[in-house]
Amino acid sequence: TYDNDSFPLIAEAQIDLAVIALACDMTRVATIQMSHTVGPTVFSWLGLSEGHHSLSHIDDSNQTGIDHYVQAERWYAEQFVSLVQSLQSTPNPEGDGSLFDDTLIVWAQELGDGRMHVCSDVPFVIAGSAGGTFQTGRFLELGGQNHCHLLASLCGAFGLGNQTFGDPAAGTGGLAEL
């Protein structure tokens, strides 16, 4: 059964479990998916009464709806920050520094514009340098390149030789900009 009011607690628990599993080397990869595409989440803890999916389809003329959608997305961003901060405050069990220093975190959304179900200009946020592989603290505008190039670059950061990720017709190779 879906328990909307427990959503924030479940998200926090998922983040905590992922960090603990990484810290004690139970896994080297963790995935946290807050909800599914047409998730029923209503951000009631933020004072909102409309579901996230409905808010993602709000028309530009509905400023209140847009503001509510921004509040919901900000909450997701805060969870991402919480994950980063937790990794930063966890000692690296394999050496100096924090667990974050050797980690790469990818925050991805499914669509660039949820209202129109557009799969271009999908934003990705990457935190961490994967042990120095990536330069941090930058915003990159990559001119509409297919995200398969980003995913191939991420594979390369972990020693995989993937030149494609997903549909090979979408392109090969990583992103030189990373």
Protein backbone atom coordinates (compact mmCIF):
# COMPACT_ATOMS: atom_id res chain seq x y z
CA THR A 1 0.00 0.00 0.00
CA TYR A 2 1.25 3.45 -0.89
CA ASP A 3 1.61 5.75 2.13
CA ASN A 4 1.91 9.32 0.87
CA ASP A 5 2.50 10.82 4.32
CA SER A 6 5.53 8.54 4.85
CA PHE A 7 7.14 9.52 1.54
CA PRO A 8 9.72 11.88 3.12
CA LEU A 9 10.67 9.29 5.76
CA ILE A 10 11.01 6.56 3.14
CA ALA A 11 13.18 8.83 0.99
CA GLU A 12 15.41 9.58 3.98
CA ALA A 13 15.66 5.87 4.81
CA GLN A 14 16.60 5.03 1.21
CA ILE A 15 19.35 7.65 1.27
CA ASP A 16 20.65 6.40 4.63
CA LEU A 17 20.65 2.78 3.48
CA ALA A 18 22.47 3.62 0.25
CA VAL A 19 25.20 5.53 2.11
CA ILE A 20 25.60 2.77 4.71
CA ALA A 21 25.78 0.08 2.00
CA LEU A 22 28.46 2.05 0.15
CA ALA A 23 30.38 2.81 3.35
CA CYS A 24 30.60 -0.81 4.45
CA ASP A 25 31.36 -1.98 0.88
CA MET A 26 28.21 -4.07 0.59
CA THR A 27 27.85 -2.54 -2.87
CA ARG A 28 29.68 -0.19 -5.18
CA VAL A 29 26.50 0.98 -6.93
CA ALA A 30 23.24 2.20 -5.44
CA THR A 31 20.08 3.46 -7.10
CA ILE A 32 17.41 5.56 -5.45
CA GLN A 33 14.21 6.09 -7.38
CA MET A 34 11.82 8.32 -5.50
CA SER A 35 8.74 7.46 -7.53
CA HIS A 36 7.66 6.25 -10.93
CA THR A 37 6.68 8.24 -14.00
CA VAL A 38 3.07 8.77 -13.07
CA GLY A 39 3.73 8.67 -9.35
CA PRO A 40 0.85 9.43 -7.03
CA THR A 41 2.97 11.59 -4.73
CA VAL A 42 1.17 14.61 -3.29
CA PHE A 43 3.65 16.85 -1.47
CA SER A 44 1.23 17.36 1.42
CA TRP A 45 4.16 17.96 3.82
CA LEU A 46 4.82 21.09 1.76
CA GLY A 47 1.19 22.17 1.96
CA LEU A 48 0.42 21.08 -1.60
CA SER A 49 -2.77 19.27 -2.54
CA GLU A 50 -2.14 18.32 -6.16
CA GLY A 51 -0.06 15.35 -7.26
CA HIS A 52 3.42 15.72 -8.75
CA HIS A 53 2.37 14.24 -12.08
CA SER A 54 -0.49 16.70 -12.45
CA LEU A 55 1.79 19.56 -11.47
CA SER A 56 4.29 18.50 -14.13
CA HIS A 57 1.63 19.19 -16.76
CA ILE A 58 0.63 22.65 -15.49
CA ASP A 59 0.00 25.24 -18.18
CA ASP A 60 2.24 28.34 -18.30
CA SER A 61 -0.75 30.53 -17.46
CA ASN A 62 -1.23 28.85 -14.05
CA GLN A 63 1.40 30.64 -11.92
CA THR A 64 0.22 29.02 -8.68
CA GLY A 65 0.55 25.57 -10.24
CA ILE A 66 4.00 26.43 -11.57
CA ASP A 67 5.04 27.65 -8.11
CA HIS A 68 3.78 24.38 -6.59
CA TYR A 69 5.68 22.34 -9.16
CA VAL A 70 8.84 24.32 -8.35
CA GLN A 71 8.28 23.61 -4.63
CA ALA A 72 8.00 19.88 -5.36
CA GLU A 73 11.11 19.88 -7.54
CA ARG A 74 12.97 21.90 -4.91
CA TRP A 75 12.12 19.18 -2.38
CA TYR A 76 13.69 16.58 -4.70
CA ALA A 77 16.77 18.82 -5.03
CA GLU A 78 16.99 19.00 -1.25
CA GLN A 79 17.03 15.20 -1.08
CA PHE A 80 19.88 15.16 -3.59
CA VAL A 81 21.78 17.66 -1.42
CA SER A 82 21.07 15.50 1.63
CA LEU A 83 22.64 12.52 -0.14
CA VAL A 84 25.71 14.57 -1.10
CA GLN A 85 26.11 15.91 2.45
CA SER A 86 25.75 12.45 3.95
CA LEU A 87 28.47 11.10 1.67
CA GLN A 88 30.66 14.10 2.50
CA SER A 89 30.31 13.46 6.22
CA THR A 90 31.04 9.72 5.96
CA PRO A 91 34.73 8.80 6.22
CA ASN A 92 36.15 6.96 3.24
CA PRO A 93 36.69 3.39 4.48
CA GLU A 94 39.47 2.87 1.89
CA GLY A 95 41.60 5.90 2.60
CA ASP A 96 41.66 9.59 3.36
CA GLY A 97 38.81 12.01 2.95
CA SER A 98 35.14 11.23 2.69
CA LEU A 99 33.12 8.63 0.86
CA PHE A 100 32.00 11.45 -1.44
CA ASP A 101 35.57 11.96 -2.72
CA ASP A 102 35.50 8.67 -4.63
CA THR A 103 31.82 8.74 -5.52
CA LEU A 104 29.84 9.88 -8.52
CA ILE A 105 26.18 10.74 -8.03
CA VAL A 106 23.87 11.22 -10.99
CA TRP A 107 20.48 12.89 -10.62
CA ALA A 108 18.41 12.41 -13.73
CA GLN A 109 14.88 13.08 -14.82
CA GLU A 110 13.07 11.24 -17.56
CA LEU A 111 12.02 14.22 -19.63
CA GLY A 112 13.25 17.65 -20.57
CA ASP A 113 9.71 19.05 -20.56
CA GLY A 114 7.23 16.86 -18.71
CA ARG A 115 4.28 18.82 -19.99
CA MET A 116 5.02 17.88 -23.56
CA HIS A 117 6.73 14.52 -22.88
CA VAL A 118 9.84 15.80 -24.64
CA CYS A 119 12.98 13.69 -24.30
CA SER A 120 15.41 16.40 -25.40
CA ASP A 121 17.22 18.84 -23.11
CA VAL A 122 16.91 16.43 -20.21
CA PRO A 123 18.79 17.90 -17.25
CA PHE A 124 21.39 15.79 -15.47
CA VAL A 125 23.17 16.80 -12.28
CA ILE A 126 26.43 15.09 -11.47
CA ALA A 127 28.05 15.46 -8.07
CA GLY A 128 31.42 14.09 -7.13
CA SER A 129 34.45 13.52 -9.29
CA ALA A 130 34.62 9.71 -9.23
CA GLY A 131 38.02 9.86 -7.58
CA GLY A 132 39.22 12.80 -9.68
CA THR A 133 37.96 11.58 -13.05
CA PHE A 134 35.63 14.55 -13.55
CA GLN A 135 36.14 18.25 -12.94
CA THR A 136 33.45 19.54 -10.59
CA GLY A 137 31.76 22.89 -10.06
CA ARG A 138 30.69 23.51 -13.65
CA PHE A 139 27.52 23.94 -15.67
CA LEU A 140 27.78 22.44 -19.13
CA GLU A 141 25.42 23.24 -21.98
CA LEU A 142 26.02 20.47 -24.49
CA GLY A 143 23.90 21.64 -27.38
CA GLY A 144 21.28 18.91 -27.35
CA GLN A 145 23.67 15.97 -27.56
CA ASN A 146 22.04 12.65 -26.87
CA HIS A 147 22.45 11.55 -23.28
CA CYS A 148 23.95 8.25 -24.48
CA HIS A 149 27.27 10.14 -24.69
CA LEU A 150 27.04 11.15 -21.04
CA LEU A 151 26.22 7.60 -20.04
CA ALA A 152 29.17 6.26 -22.07
CA SER A 153 31.40 8.77 -20.26
CA LEU A 154 30.09 7.57 -16.90
CA CYS A 155 30.85 3.99 -17.90
CA GLY A 156 34.37 5.04 -18.83
CA ALA A 157 34.85 6.64 -15.41
CA PHE A 158 34.42 3.21 -13.89
CA GLY A 159 36.75 1.42 -16.25
CA LEU A 160 34.17 0.11 -18.68
CA GLY A 161 34.88 0.34 -22.39
CA ASN A 162 31.36 1.14 -23.55
CA GLN A 163 31.35 3.31 -26.66
CA THR A 164 27.57 3.21 -26.79
CA PHE A 165 24.82 3.15 -24.22
CA GLY A 166 21.31 2.32 -25.31
CA ASP A 167 20.54 2.69 -28.99
CA PRO A 168 23.85 2.68 -30.96
CA ALA A 169 22.15 4.74 -33.68
CA ALA A 170 22.01 7.64 -31.21
CA GLY A 171 25.78 7.99 -31.35
CA THR A 172 28.99 6.59 -29.97
CA GLY A 173 31.67 7.81 -27.62
CA GLY A 174 31.75 9.88 -24.47
CA LEU A 175 31.69 13.62 -23.91
CA ALA A 176 35.05 15.34 -24.30
CA GLU A 177 33.66 18.27 -22.26
CA LEU A 178 33.62 16.18 -19.09
